[in-house]
Amino acid sequence: MSDFFDDPRSRRSEELAHQAERTRGDVAECERLFAEAAELEEAVAREVPTTETRIRGVLAISAVALWLKARRFDLAQRAAADFLKGRGIEGQDRADLESLISSGAKAR
């Protein structure tokens, strides 16, 4: 179960997100770091088998949230739509992804 959370890309994504949160004043750099983190997190989420719904859901939500923090609403929307149309995202995770996209659309 934790193999996906221990994936080096997930660890790097977390490092990049923390770095982005500490970036002061350089909006472009902050957004770049969040985008890089989102790309890594999304790649890991896509590799999680659809039978591992909770892990896939957590990583998909994380990836979409990172795309939103990077202000890449188009990529957040695409990622969420891809995860929602396929199998492997259920229950509260599905609702959370839909909510993220809805709030992201309002933030545009």
PDB file of N, CA and C in Angstrom:
ATOM      1  N   MET A   1       0.814  -1.197   0.000  1.00  0.00           N
ATOM      2  CA  MET A   1       0.000   0.000   0.000  1.00  0.00           C
ATOM      3  C   MET A   1       0.854   1.255   0.000  1.00  0.00           C
ATOM      4  N   SER A   2       1.827   1.355   0.871  1.00  0.00           N
ATOM      5  CA  SER A   2       2.595   2.592   0.990  1.00  0.00           C
ATOM      6  C   SER A   2       3.659   2.741  -0.094  1.00  0.00           C
ATOM      7  N   ASP A   3       3.831   1.717  -0.933  1.00  0.00           N
ATOM      8  CA  ASP A   3       4.857   1.811  -1.977  1.00  0.00           C
ATOM      9  C   ASP A   3       4.655   3.042  -2.854  1.00  0.00           C
ATOM     10  N   PHE A   4       3.429   3.386  -3.155  1.00  0.00           N
ATOM     11  CA  PHE A   4       3.174   4.548  -4.000  1.00  0.00           C
ATOM     12  C   PHE A   4       3.483   5.847  -3.262  1.00  0.00           C
ATOM     13  N   PHE A   5       3.240   5.857  -1.954  1.00  0.00           N
ATOM     14  CA  PHE A   5       3.567   7.044  -1.175  1.00  0.00           C
ATOM     15  C   PHE A   5       5.074   7.166  -0.971  1.00  0.00           C
ATOM     16  N   ASP A   6       5.775   6.037  -1.022  1.00  0.00           N
ATOM     17  CA  ASP A   6       7.227   6.028  -0.875  1.00  0.00           C
ATOM     18  C   ASP A   6       7.960   6.179  -2.201  1.00  0.00           C
ATOM     19  N   ASP A   7       7.214   6.256  -3.285  1.00  0.00           N
ATOM     20  CA  ASP A   7       7.816   6.436  -4.602  1.00  0.00           C
ATOM     21  C   ASP A   7       8.697   7.690  -4.576  1.00  0.00           C
ATOM     22  N   PRO A   8       9.894   7.626  -5.127  1.00  0.00           N
ATOM     23  CA  PRO A   8      10.780   8.802  -5.127  1.00  0.00           C
ATOM     24  C   PRO A   8      10.138  10.036  -5.756  1.00  0.00           C
ATOM     25  N   ARG A   9       9.254   9.825  -6.719  1.00  0.00           N
ATOM     26  CA  ARG A   9       8.570  10.970  -7.339  1.00  0.00           C
ATOM     27  C   ARG A   9       7.610  11.629  -6.356  1.00  0.00           C
ATOM     28  N   SER A  10       6.961  10.839  -5.514  1.00  0.00           N
ATOM     29  CA  SER A  10       6.066  11.415  -4.499  1.00  0.00           C
ATOM     30  C   SER A  10       6.862  12.205  -3.465  1.00  0.00           C
ATOM     31  N   ARG A  11       7.987  11.642  -3.070  1.00  0.00           N
ATOM     32  CA  ARG A  11       8.842  12.361  -2.104  1.00  0.00           C
ATOM     33  C   ARG A  11       9.348  13.668  -2.716  1.00  0.00           C
ATOM     34  N   ARG A  12       9.762  13.620  -3.983  1.00  0.00           N
ATOM     35  CA  ARG A  12      10.252  14.824  -4.658  1.00  0.00           C
ATOM     36  C   ARG A  12       9.121  15.840  -4.818  1.00  0.00           C
ATOM     37  N   SER A  13       7.939  15.364  -5.126  1.00  0.00           N
ATOM     38  CA  SER A  13       6.778  16.241  -5.243  1.00  0.00           C
ATOM     39  C   SER A  13       6.529  16.986  -3.933  1.00  0.00           C
ATOM     40  N   GLU A  14       6.603  16.254  -2.849  1.00  0.00           N
ATOM     41  CA  GLU A  14       6.412  16.869  -1.530  1.00  0.00           C
ATOM     42  C   GLU A  14       7.494  17.912  -1.249  1.00  0.00           C
ATOM     43  N   GLU A  15       8.731  17.607  -1.577  1.00  0.00           N
ATOM     44  CA  GLU A  15       9.830  18.563  -1.392  1.00  0.00           C
ATOM     45  C   GLU A  15       9.592  19.827  -2.206  1.00  0.00           C
ATOM     46  N   LEU A  16       9.189  19.663  -3.458  1.00  0.00           N
ATOM     47  CA  LEU A  16       8.943  20.814  -4.329  1.00  0.00           C
ATOM     48  C   LEU A  16       7.788  21.667  -3.812  1.00  0.00           C
ATOM     49  N   ALA A  17       6.739  21.023  -3.333  1.00  0.00           N
ATOM     50  CA  ALA A  17       5.598  21.762  -2.796  1.00  0.00           C
ATOM     51  C   ALA A  17       6.002  22.561  -1.559  1.00  0.00           C
ATOM     52  N   HIS A  18       6.798  21.957  -0.682  1.00  0.00           N
ATOM     53  CA  HIS A  18       7.276  22.678   0.502  1.00  0.00           C
ATOM     54  C   HIS A  18       8.166  23.851   0.091  1.00  0.00           C
ATOM     55  N   GLN A  19       8.997  23.625  -0.893  1.00  0.00           N
ATOM     56  CA  GLN A  19       9.857  24.695  -1.395  1.00  0.00           C
ATOM     57  C   GLN A  19       9.006  25.830  -1.969  1.00  0.00           C
ATOM     58  N   ALA A  20       7.975  25.488  -2.716  1.00  0.00           N
ATOM     59  CA  ALA A  20       7.091  26.498  -3.299  1.00  0.00           C
ATOM     60  C   ALA A  20       6.403  27.315  -2.209  1.00  0.00           C
ATOM     61  N   GLU A  21       5.984  26.646  -1.147  1.00  0.00           N
ATOM     62  CA  GLU A  21       5.309  27.343  -0.049  1.00  0.00           C
ATOM     63  C   GLU A  21       6.240  28.315   0.666  1.00  0.00           C
ATOM     64  N   ARG A  22       7.541  28.062   0.608  1.00  0.00           N
ATOM     65  CA  ARG A  22       8.513  28.947   1.259  1.00  0.00           C
ATOM     66  C   ARG A  22       9.001  30.055   0.329  1.00  0.00           C
ATOM     67  N   THR A  23       8.622  29.985  -0.943  1.00  0.00           N
ATOM     68  CA  THR A  23       9.050  31.005  -1.901  1.00  0.00           C
ATOM     69  C   THR A  23       8.309  32.293  -1.592  1.00  0.00           C
ATOM     70  N   ARG A  24       9.052  33.334  -1.411  1.00  0.00           N
ATOM     71  CA  ARG A  24       8.461  34.635  -1.071  1.00  0.00           C
ATOM     72  C   ARG A  24       8.642  35.607  -2.235  1.00  0.00           C
ATOM     73  N   GLY A  25       7.545  36.150  -2.702  1.00  0.00           N
ATOM     74  CA  GLY A  25       7.608  37.229  -3.677  1.00  0.00           C
ATOM     75  C   GLY A  25       7.808  36.820  -5.122  1.00  0.00           C
ATOM     76  N   ASP A  26       8.327  35.655  -5.387  1.00  0.00           N
ATOM     77  CA  ASP A  26       8.568  35.224  -6.765  1.00  0.00           C
ATOM     78  C   ASP A  26       7.432  34.294  -7.183  1.00  0.00           C
ATOM     79  N   VAL A  27       6.361  34.903  -7.660  1.00  0.00           N
ATOM     80  CA  VAL A  27       5.157  34.150  -8.005  1.00  0.00           C
ATOM     81  C   VAL A  27       5.436  33.139  -9.105  1.00  0.00           C
ATOM     82  N   ALA A  28       6.194  33.538 -10.115  1.00  0.00           N
ATOM     83  CA  ALA A  28       6.494  32.642 -11.232  1.00  0.00           C
ATOM     84  C   ALA A  28       7.247  31.399 -10.749  1.00  0.00           C
ATOM     85  N   GLU A  29       8.200  31.578  -9.861  1.00  0.00           N
ATOM     86  CA  GLU A  29       8.962  30.444  -9.335  1.00  0.00           C
ATOM     87  C   GLU A  29       8.074  29.541  -8.475  1.00  0.00           C
ATOM     88  N   CYS A  30       7.243  30.153  -7.682  1.00  0.00           N
ATOM     89  CA  CYS A  30       6.314  29.396  -6.845  1.00  0.00           C
ATOM     90  C   CYS A  30       5.405  28.532  -7.719  1.00  0.00           C
ATOM     91  N   GLU A  31       4.830  29.119  -8.741  1.00  0.00           N
ATOM     92  CA  GLU A  31       3.945  28.386  -9.635  1.00  0.00           C
ATOM     93  C   GLU A  31       4.701  27.294 -10.396  1.00  0.00           C
ATOM     94  N   ARG A  32       5.933  27.569 -10.777  1.00  0.00           N
ATOM     95  CA  ARG A  32       6.743  26.572 -11.479  1.00  0.00           C
ATOM     96  C   ARG A  32       7.004  25.361 -10.590  1.00  0.00           C
ATOM     97  N   LEU A  33       7.328  25.618  -9.331  1.00  0.00           N
ATOM     98  CA  LEU A  33       7.591  24.529  -8.390  1.00  0.00           C
ATOM     99  C   LEU A  33       6.336  23.698  -8.134  1.00  0.00           C
ATOM    100  N   PHE A  34       5.200  24.364  -7.956  1.00  0.00           N
ATOM    101  CA  PHE A  34       3.951  23.628  -7.770  1.00  0.00           C
ATOM    102  C   PHE A  34       3.614  22.805  -9.009  1.00  0.00           C
ATOM    103  N   ALA A  35       3.863  23.351 -10.192  1.00  0.00           N
ATOM    104  CA  ALA A  35       3.579  22.617 -11.435  1.00  0.00           C
ATOM    105  C   ALA A  35       4.466  21.381 -11.552  1.00  0.00           C
ATOM    106  N   GLU A  36       5.723  21.534 -11.205  1.00  0.00           N
ATOM    107  CA  GLU A  36       6.630  20.385 -11.255  1.00  0.00           C
ATOM    108  C   GLU A  36       6.185  19.310 -10.258  1.00  0.00           C
ATOM    109  N   ALA A  37       5.774  19.747  -9.079  1.00  0.00           N
ATOM    110  CA  ALA A  37       5.274  18.814  -8.066  1.00  0.00           C
ATOM    111  C   ALA A  37       4.010  18.114  -8.562  1.00  0.00           C
ATOM    112  N   ALA A  38       3.126  18.854  -9.182  1.00  0.00           N
ATOM    113  CA  ALA A  38       1.876  18.284  -9.694  1.00  0.00           C
ATOM    114  C   ALA A  38       2.137  17.246 -10.766  1.00  0.00           C
ATOM    115  N   GLU A  39       3.059  17.535 -11.647  1.00  0.00           N
ATOM    116  CA  GLU A  39       3.386  16.601 -12.718  1.00  0.00           C
ATOM    117  C   GLU A  39       3.874  15.264 -12.151  1.00  0.00           C
ATOM    118  N   LEU A  40       4.732  15.333 -11.157  1.00  0.00           N
ATOM    119  CA  LEU A  40       5.245  14.108 -10.529  1.00  0.00           C
ATOM    120  C   LEU A  40       4.134  13.343  -9.808  1.00  0.00           C
ATOM    121  N   GLU A  41       3.334  14.069  -9.044  1.00  0.00           N
ATOM    122  CA  GLU A  41       2.263  13.433  -8.265  1.00  0.00           C
ATOM    123  C   GLU A  41       1.235  12.783  -9.193  1.00  0.00           C
ATOM    124  N   GLU A  42       0.911  13.465 -10.276  1.00  0.00           N
ATOM    125  CA  GLU A  42      -0.052  12.911 -11.226  1.00  0.00           C
ATOM    126  C   GLU A  42       0.490  11.635 -11.872  1.00  0.00           C
ATOM    127  N   ALA A  43       1.758  11.635 -12.204  1.00  0.00           N
ATOM    128  CA  ALA A  43       2.364  10.450 -12.818  1.00  0.00           C
ATOM    129  C   ALA A  43       2.269   9.247 -11.884  1.00  0.00           C
ATOM    130  N   VAL A  44       2.529   9.458 -10.613  1.00  0.00           N
ATOM    131  CA  VAL A  44       2.431   8.364  -9.642  1.00  0.00           C
ATOM    132  C   VAL A  44       0.974   7.909  -9.516  1.00  0.00           C
ATOM    133  N   ALA A  45       0.052   8.862  -9.410  1.00  0.00           N
ATOM    134  CA  ALA A  45      -1.370   8.522  -9.256  1.00  0.00           C
ATOM    135  C   ALA A  45      -1.866   7.678 -10.418  1.00  0.00           C
ATOM    136  N   ARG A  46      -1.418   7.990 -11.607  1.00  0.00           N
ATOM    137  CA  ARG A  46      -1.867   7.242 -12.794  1.00  0.00           C
ATOM    138  C   ARG A  46      -1.364   5.796 -12.787  1.00  0.00           C
ATOM    139  N   GLU A  47      -0.285   5.533 -12.081  1.00  0.00           N
ATOM    140  CA  GLU A  47       0.268   4.178 -12.015  1.00  0.00           C
ATOM    141  C   GLU A  47      -0.391   3.299 -10.950  1.00  0.00           C
ATOM    142  N   VAL A  48      -1.154   3.915 -10.061  1.00  0.00           N
ATOM    143  CA  VAL A  48      -1.817   3.145  -9.007  1.00  0.00           C
ATOM    144  C   VAL A  48      -2.934   2.319  -9.651  1.00  0.00           C
ATOM    145  N   PRO A  49      -2.970   1.020  -9.396  1.00  0.00           N
ATOM    146  CA  PRO A  49      -4.038   0.192  -9.953  1.00  0.00           C
ATOM    147  C   PRO A  49      -5.415   0.704  -9.524  1.00  0.00           C
ATOM    148  N   THR A  50      -6.376   0.572 -10.414  1.00  0.00           N
ATOM    149  CA  THR A  50      -7.730   1.053 -10.112  1.00  0.00           C
ATOM    150  C   THR A  50      -8.364   0.281  -8.958  1.00  0.00           C
ATOM    151  N   THR A  51      -7.809  -0.858  -8.607  1.00  0.00           N
ATOM    152  CA  THR A  51      -8.315  -1.616  -7.465  1.00  0.00           C
ATOM    153  C   THR A  51      -7.888  -1.011  -6.129  1.00  0.00           C
ATOM    154  N   GLU A  52      -6.869  -0.156  -6.180  1.00  0.00           N
ATOM    155  CA  GLU A  52      -6.376   0.525  -4.970  1.00  0.00           C
ATOM    156  C   GLU A  52      -7.028   1.903  -4.902  1.00  0.00           C
ATOM    157  N   THR A  53      -8.355   1.909  -4.721  1.00  0.00           N
ATOM    158  CA  THR A  53      -9.124   3.145  -4.869  1.00  0.00           C
ATOM    159  C   THR A  53      -8.716   4.245  -3.890  1.00  0.00           C
ATOM    160  N   ARG A  54      -8.445   3.894  -2.670  1.00  0.00           N
ATOM    161  CA  ARG A  54      -8.117   4.938  -1.672  1.00  0.00           C
ATOM    162  C   ARG A  54      -6.781   5.599  -2.000  1.00  0.00           C
ATOM    163  N   ILE A  55      -5.781   4.817  -2.335  1.00  0.00           N
ATOM    164  CA  ILE A  55      -4.463   5.371  -2.660  1.00  0.00           C
ATOM    165  C   ILE A  55      -4.554   6.223  -3.925  1.00  0.00           C
ATOM    166  N   ARG A  56      -5.226   5.676  -4.934  1.00  0.00           N
ATOM    167  CA  ARG A  56      -5.382   6.403  -6.197  1.00  0.00           C
ATOM    168  C   ARG A  56      -6.122   7.726  -5.958  1.00  0.00           C
ATOM    169  N   GLY A  57      -7.157   7.674  -5.134  1.00  0.00           N
ATOM    170  CA  GLY A  57      -7.925   8.881  -4.842  1.00  0.00           C
ATOM    171  C   GLY A  57      -7.106   9.950  -4.134  1.00  0.00           C
ATOM    172  N   VAL A  58      -6.366   9.545  -3.126  1.00  0.00           N
ATOM    173  CA  VAL A  58      -5.540  10.500  -2.365  1.00  0.00           C
ATOM    174  C   VAL A  58      -4.509  11.167  -3.281  1.00  0.00           C
ATOM    175  N   LEU A  59      -3.848  10.368  -4.100  1.00  0.00           N
ATOM    176  CA  LEU A  59      -2.816  10.922  -4.989  1.00  0.00           C
ATOM    177  C   LEU A  59      -3.423  11.774  -6.100  1.00  0.00           C
ATOM    178  N   ALA A  60      -4.583  11.377  -6.607  1.00  0.00           N
ATOM    179  CA  ALA A  60      -5.254  12.178  -7.640  1.00  0.00           C
ATOM    180  C   ALA A  60      -5.669  13.534  -7.074  1.00  0.00           C
ATOM    181  N   ILE A  61      -6.229  13.540  -5.881  1.00  0.00           N
ATOM    182  CA  ILE A  61      -6.624  14.794  -5.232  1.00  0.00           C
ATOM    183  C   ILE A  61      -5.403  15.679  -5.014  1.00  0.00           C
ATOM    184  N   SER A  62      -4.333  15.084  -4.555  1.00  0.00           N
ATOM    185  CA  SER A  62      -3.098  15.837  -4.332  1.00  0.00           C
ATOM    186  C   SER A  62      -2.595  16.456  -5.630  1.00  0.00           C
ATOM    187  N   ALA A  63      -2.587  15.677  -6.693  1.00  0.00           N
ATOM    188  CA  ALA A  63      -2.103  16.177  -7.988  1.00  0.00           C
ATOM    189  C   ALA A  63      -2.955  17.340  -8.474  1.00  0.00           C
ATOM    190  N   VAL A  64      -4.268  17.203  -8.401  1.00  0.00           N
ATOM    191  CA  VAL A  64      -5.159  18.278  -8.861  1.00  0.00           C
ATOM    192  C   VAL A  64      -4.979  19.523  -7.991  1.00  0.00           C
ATOM    193  N   ALA A  65      -4.863  19.339  -6.693  1.00  0.00           N
ATOM    194  CA  ALA A  65      -4.644  20.486  -5.802  1.00  0.00           C
ATOM    195  C   ALA A  65      -3.336  21.209  -6.136  1.00  0.00           C
ATOM    196  N   LEU A  66      -2.309  20.437  -6.454  1.00  0.00           N
ATOM    197  CA  LEU A  66      -1.025  21.058  -6.828  1.00  0.00           C
ATOM    198  C   LEU A  66      -1.139  21.810  -8.149  1.00  0.00           C
ATOM    199  N   TRP A  67      -1.865  21.246  -9.124  1.00  0.00           N
ATOM    200  CA  TRP A  67      -2.080  21.977 -10.385  1.00  0.00           C
ATOM    201  C   TRP A  67      -2.814  23.291 -10.114  1.00  0.00           C
ATOM    202  N   LEU A  68      -3.784  23.268  -9.202  1.00  0.00           N
ATOM    203  CA  LEU A  68      -4.500  24.500  -8.873  1.00  0.00           C
ATOM    204  C   LEU A  68      -3.583  25.514  -8.198  1.00  0.00           C
ATOM    205  N   LYS A  69      -2.722  25.053  -7.303  1.00  0.00           N
ATOM    206  CA  LYS A  69      -1.770  25.956  -6.656  1.00  0.00           C
ATOM    207  C   LYS A  69      -0.794  26.546  -7.671  1.00  0.00           C
ATOM    208  N   ALA A  70      -0.516  25.783  -8.728  1.00  0.00           N
ATOM    209  CA  ALA A  70       0.362  26.274  -9.795  1.00  0.00           C
ATOM    210  C   ALA A  70      -0.394  27.214 -10.735  1.00  0.00           C
ATOM    211  N   ARG A  71      -1.688  27.387 -10.485  1.00  0.00           N
ATOM    212  CA  ARG A  71      -2.568  28.222 -11.314  1.00  0.00           C
ATOM    213  C   ARG A  71      -2.648  27.698 -12.743  1.00  0.00           C
ATOM    214  N   ARG A  72      -2.541  26.393 -12.860  1.00  0.00           N
ATOM    215  CA  ARG A  72      -2.679  25.720 -14.160  1.00  0.00           C
ATOM    216  C   ARG A  72      -4.051  25.046 -14.178  1.00  0.00           C
ATOM    217  N   PHE A  73      -5.067  25.892 -14.271  1.00  0.00           N
ATOM    218  CA  PHE A  73      -6.442  25.425 -14.174  1.00  0.00           C
ATOM    219  C   PHE A  73      -6.785  24.439 -15.291  1.00  0.00           C
ATOM    220  N   ASP A  74      -6.207  24.655 -16.463  1.00  0.00           N
ATOM    221  CA  ASP A  74      -6.463  23.754 -17.582  1.00  0.00           C
ATOM    222  C   ASP A  74      -5.968  22.343 -17.277  1.00  0.00           C
ATOM    223  N   LEU A  75      -4.782  22.247 -16.710  1.00  0.00           N
ATOM    224  CA  LEU A  75      -4.219  20.934 -16.388  1.00  0.00           C
ATOM    225  C   LEU A  75      -4.916  20.296 -15.184  1.00  0.00           C
ATOM    226  N   ALA A  76      -5.341  21.113 -14.249  1.00  0.00           N
ATOM    227  CA  ALA A  76      -6.111  20.598 -13.108  1.00  0.00           C
ATOM    228  C   ALA A  76      -7.421  20.004 -13.604  1.00  0.00           C
ATOM    229  N   GLN A  77      -8.084  20.721 -14.481  1.00  0.00           N
ATOM    230  CA  GLN A  77      -9.367  20.265 -15.034  1.00  0.00           C
ATOM    231  C   GLN A  77      -9.180  18.962 -15.824  1.00  0.00           C
ATOM    232  N   ARG A  78      -8.153  18.919 -16.646  1.00  0.00           N
ATOM    233  CA  ARG A  78      -7.884  17.737 -17.458  1.00  0.00           C
ATOM    234  C   ARG A  78      -7.586  16.530 -16.575  1.00  0.00           C
ATOM    235  N   ALA A  79      -6.715  16.721 -15.586  1.00  0.00           N
ATOM    236  CA  ALA A  79      -6.351  15.614 -14.697  1.00  0.00           C
ATOM    237  C   ALA A  79      -7.577  15.111 -13.941  1.00  0.00           C
ATOM    238  N   ALA A  80      -8.348  16.024 -13.378  1.00  0.00           N
ATOM    239  CA  ALA A  80      -9.535  15.613 -12.625  1.00  0.00           C
ATOM    240  C   ALA A  80     -10.515  14.870 -13.528  1.00  0.00           C
ATOM    241  N   ALA A  81     -10.740  15.392 -14.714  1.00  0.00           N
ATOM    242  CA  ALA A  81     -11.667  14.737 -15.652  1.00  0.00           C
ATOM    243  C   ALA A  81     -11.183  13.335 -16.008  1.00  0.00           C
ATOM    244  N   ASP A  82      -9.896  13.200 -16.239  1.00  0.00           N
ATOM    245  CA  ASP A  82      -9.337  11.887 -16.566  1.00  0.00           C
ATOM    246  C   ASP A  82      -9.529  10.899 -15.413  1.00  0.00           C
ATOM    247  N   PHE A  83      -9.249  11.355 -14.203  1.00  0.00           N
ATOM    248  CA  PHE A  83      -9.402  10.467 -13.052  1.00  0.00           C
ATOM    249  C   PHE A  83     -10.879  10.132 -12.799  1.00  0.00           C
ATOM    250  N   LEU A  84     -11.744  11.103 -12.997  1.00  0.00           N
ATOM    251  CA  LEU A  84     -13.164  10.881 -12.729  1.00  0.00           C
ATOM    252  C   LEU A  84     -13.837   9.998 -13.774  1.00  0.00           C
ATOM    253  N   LYS A  85     -13.383  10.059 -15.008  1.00  0.00           N
ATOM    254  CA  LYS A  85     -14.040   9.256 -16.045  1.00  0.00           C
ATOM    255  C   LYS A  85     -13.625   7.788 -15.986  1.00  0.00           C
ATOM    256  N   GLY A  86     -12.479   7.536 -15.412  1.00  0.00           N
ATOM    257  CA  GLY A  86     -12.016   6.151 -15.300  1.00  0.00           C
ATOM    258  C   GLY A  86     -12.474   5.511 -14.005  1.00  0.00           C
ATOM    259  N   ARG A  87     -12.097   4.272 -13.836  1.00  0.00           N
ATOM    260  CA  ARG A  87     -12.385   3.570 -12.592  1.00  0.00           C
ATOM    261  C   ARG A  87     -11.284   3.883 -11.585  1.00  0.00           C
ATOM    262  N   GLY A  88     -11.577   3.627 -10.334  1.00  0.00           N
ATOM    263  CA  GLY A  88     -10.547   3.738  -9.312  1.00  0.00           C
ATOM    264  C   GLY A  88     -10.651   4.952  -8.423  1.00  0.00           C
ATOM    265  N   ILE A  89     -11.656   5.804  -8.660  1.00  0.00           N
ATOM    266  CA  ILE A  89     -11.906   6.949  -7.775  1.00  0.00           C
ATOM    267  C   ILE A  89     -13.352   6.804  -7.313  1.00  0.00           C
ATOM    268  N   GLU A  90     -13.531   6.665  -6.015  1.00  0.00           N
ATOM    269  CA  GLU A  90     -14.864   6.380  -5.492  1.00  0.00           C
ATOM    270  C   GLU A  90     -15.204   7.271  -4.302  1.00  0.00           C
ATOM    271  N   GLY A  91     -16.470   7.276  -3.982  1.00  0.00           N
ATOM    272  CA  GLY A  91     -16.976   7.881  -2.758  1.00  0.00           C
ATOM    273  C   GLY A  91     -16.505   9.295  -2.505  1.00  0.00           C
ATOM    274  N   GLN A  92     -15.966   9.501  -1.315  1.00  0.00           N
ATOM    275  CA  GLN A  92     -15.549  10.830  -0.892  1.00  0.00           C
ATOM    276  C   GLN A  92     -14.432  11.391  -1.770  1.00  0.00           C
ATOM    277  N   ASP A  93     -13.555  10.534  -2.251  1.00  0.00           N
ATOM    278  CA  ASP A  93     -12.478  11.004  -3.127  1.00  0.00           C
ATOM    279  C   ASP A  93     -13.055  11.601  -4.406  1.00  0.00           C
ATOM    280  N   ARG A  94     -14.078  10.963  -4.957  1.00  0.00           N
ATOM    281  CA  ARG A  94     -14.744  11.483  -6.153  1.00  0.00           C
ATOM    282  C   ARG A  94     -15.373  12.848  -5.852  1.00  0.00           C
ATOM    283  N   ALA A  95     -16.062  12.936  -4.725  1.00  0.00           N
ATOM    284  CA  ALA A  95     -16.687  14.199  -4.328  1.00  0.00           C
ATOM    285  C   ALA A  95     -15.638  15.290  -4.109  1.00  0.00           C
ATOM    286  N   ASP A  96     -14.523  14.917  -3.497  1.00  0.00           N
ATOM    287  CA  ASP A  96     -13.453  15.891  -3.242  1.00  0.00           C
ATOM    288  C   ASP A  96     -12.837  16.397  -4.548  1.00  0.00           C
ATOM    289  N   LEU A  97     -12.632  15.505  -5.512  1.00  0.00           N
ATOM    290  CA  LEU A  97     -12.097  15.931  -6.812  1.00  0.00           C
ATOM    291  C   LEU A  97     -13.066  16.879  -7.507  1.00  0.00           C
ATOM    292  N   GLU A  98     -14.342  16.545  -7.483  1.00  0.00           N
ATOM    293  CA  GLU A  98     -15.347  17.408  -8.106  1.00  0.00           C
ATOM    294  C   GLU A  98     -15.381  18.773  -7.416  1.00  0.00           C
ATOM    295  N   SER A  99     -15.266  18.773  -6.108  1.00  0.00           N
ATOM    296  CA  SER A  99     -15.262  20.027  -5.349  1.00  0.00           C
ATOM    297  C   SER A  99     -14.033  20.870  -5.669  1.00  0.00           C
ATOM    298  N   LEU A 100     -12.883  20.231  -5.775  1.00  0.00           N
ATOM    299  CA  LEU A 100     -11.649  20.953  -6.120  1.00  0.00           C
ATOM    300  C   LEU A 100     -11.792  21.651  -7.465  1.00  0.00           C
ATOM    301  N   ILE A 101     -12.311  20.943  -8.444  1.00  0.00           N
ATOM    302  CA  ILE A 101     -12.469  21.523  -9.776  1.00  0.00           C
ATOM    303  C   ILE A 101     -13.478  22.657  -9.752  1.00  0.00           C
ATOM    304  N   SER A 102     -14.542  22.481  -9.009  1.00  0.00           N
ATOM    305  CA  SER A 102     -15.553  23.538  -8.892  1.00  0.00           C
ATOM    306  C   SER A 102     -14.947  24.794  -8.253  1.00  0.00           C
ATOM    307  N   SER A 103     -14.186  24.616  -7.184  1.00  0.00           N
ATOM    308  CA  SER A 103     -13.565  25.774  -6.523  1.00  0.00           C
ATOM    309  C   SER A 103     -12.481  26.386  -7.401  1.00  0.00           C
ATOM    310  N   GLY A 104     -11.763  25.543  -8.154  1.00  0.00           N
ATOM    311  CA  GLY A 104     -10.754  26.057  -9.073  1.00  0.00           C
ATOM    312  C   GLY A 104     -11.357  26.878 -10.183  1.00  0.00           C
ATOM    313  N   ALA A 105     -12.510  26.467 -10.665  1.00  0.00           N
ATOM    314  CA  ALA A 105     -13.185  27.213 -11.728  1.00  0.00           C
ATOM    315  C   ALA A 105     -13.642  28.579 -11.210  1.00  0.00           C
ATOM    316  N   LYS A 106     -14.072  28.621  -9.970  1.00  0.00           N
ATOM    317  CA  LYS A 106     -14.506  29.894  -9.375  1.00  0.00           C
ATOM    318  C   LYS A 106     -13.324  30.828  -9.142  1.00  0.00           C
ATOM    319  N   ALA A 107     -12.147  30.269  -8.901  1.00  0.00           N
ATOM    320  CA  ALA A 107     -10.955  31.068  -8.598  1.00  0.00           C
ATOM    321  C   ALA A 107     -10.350  31.702  -9.838  1.00  0.00           C
ATOM    322  N   ARG A 108     -10.740  31.216 -10.995  1.00  0.00           N
ATOM    323  CA  ARG A 108     -10.160  31.729 -12.252  1.00  0.00           C
ATOM    324  C   ARG A 108     -10.428  33.152 -12.443  1.00  0.00           C
TER     325      ARG A 108
END
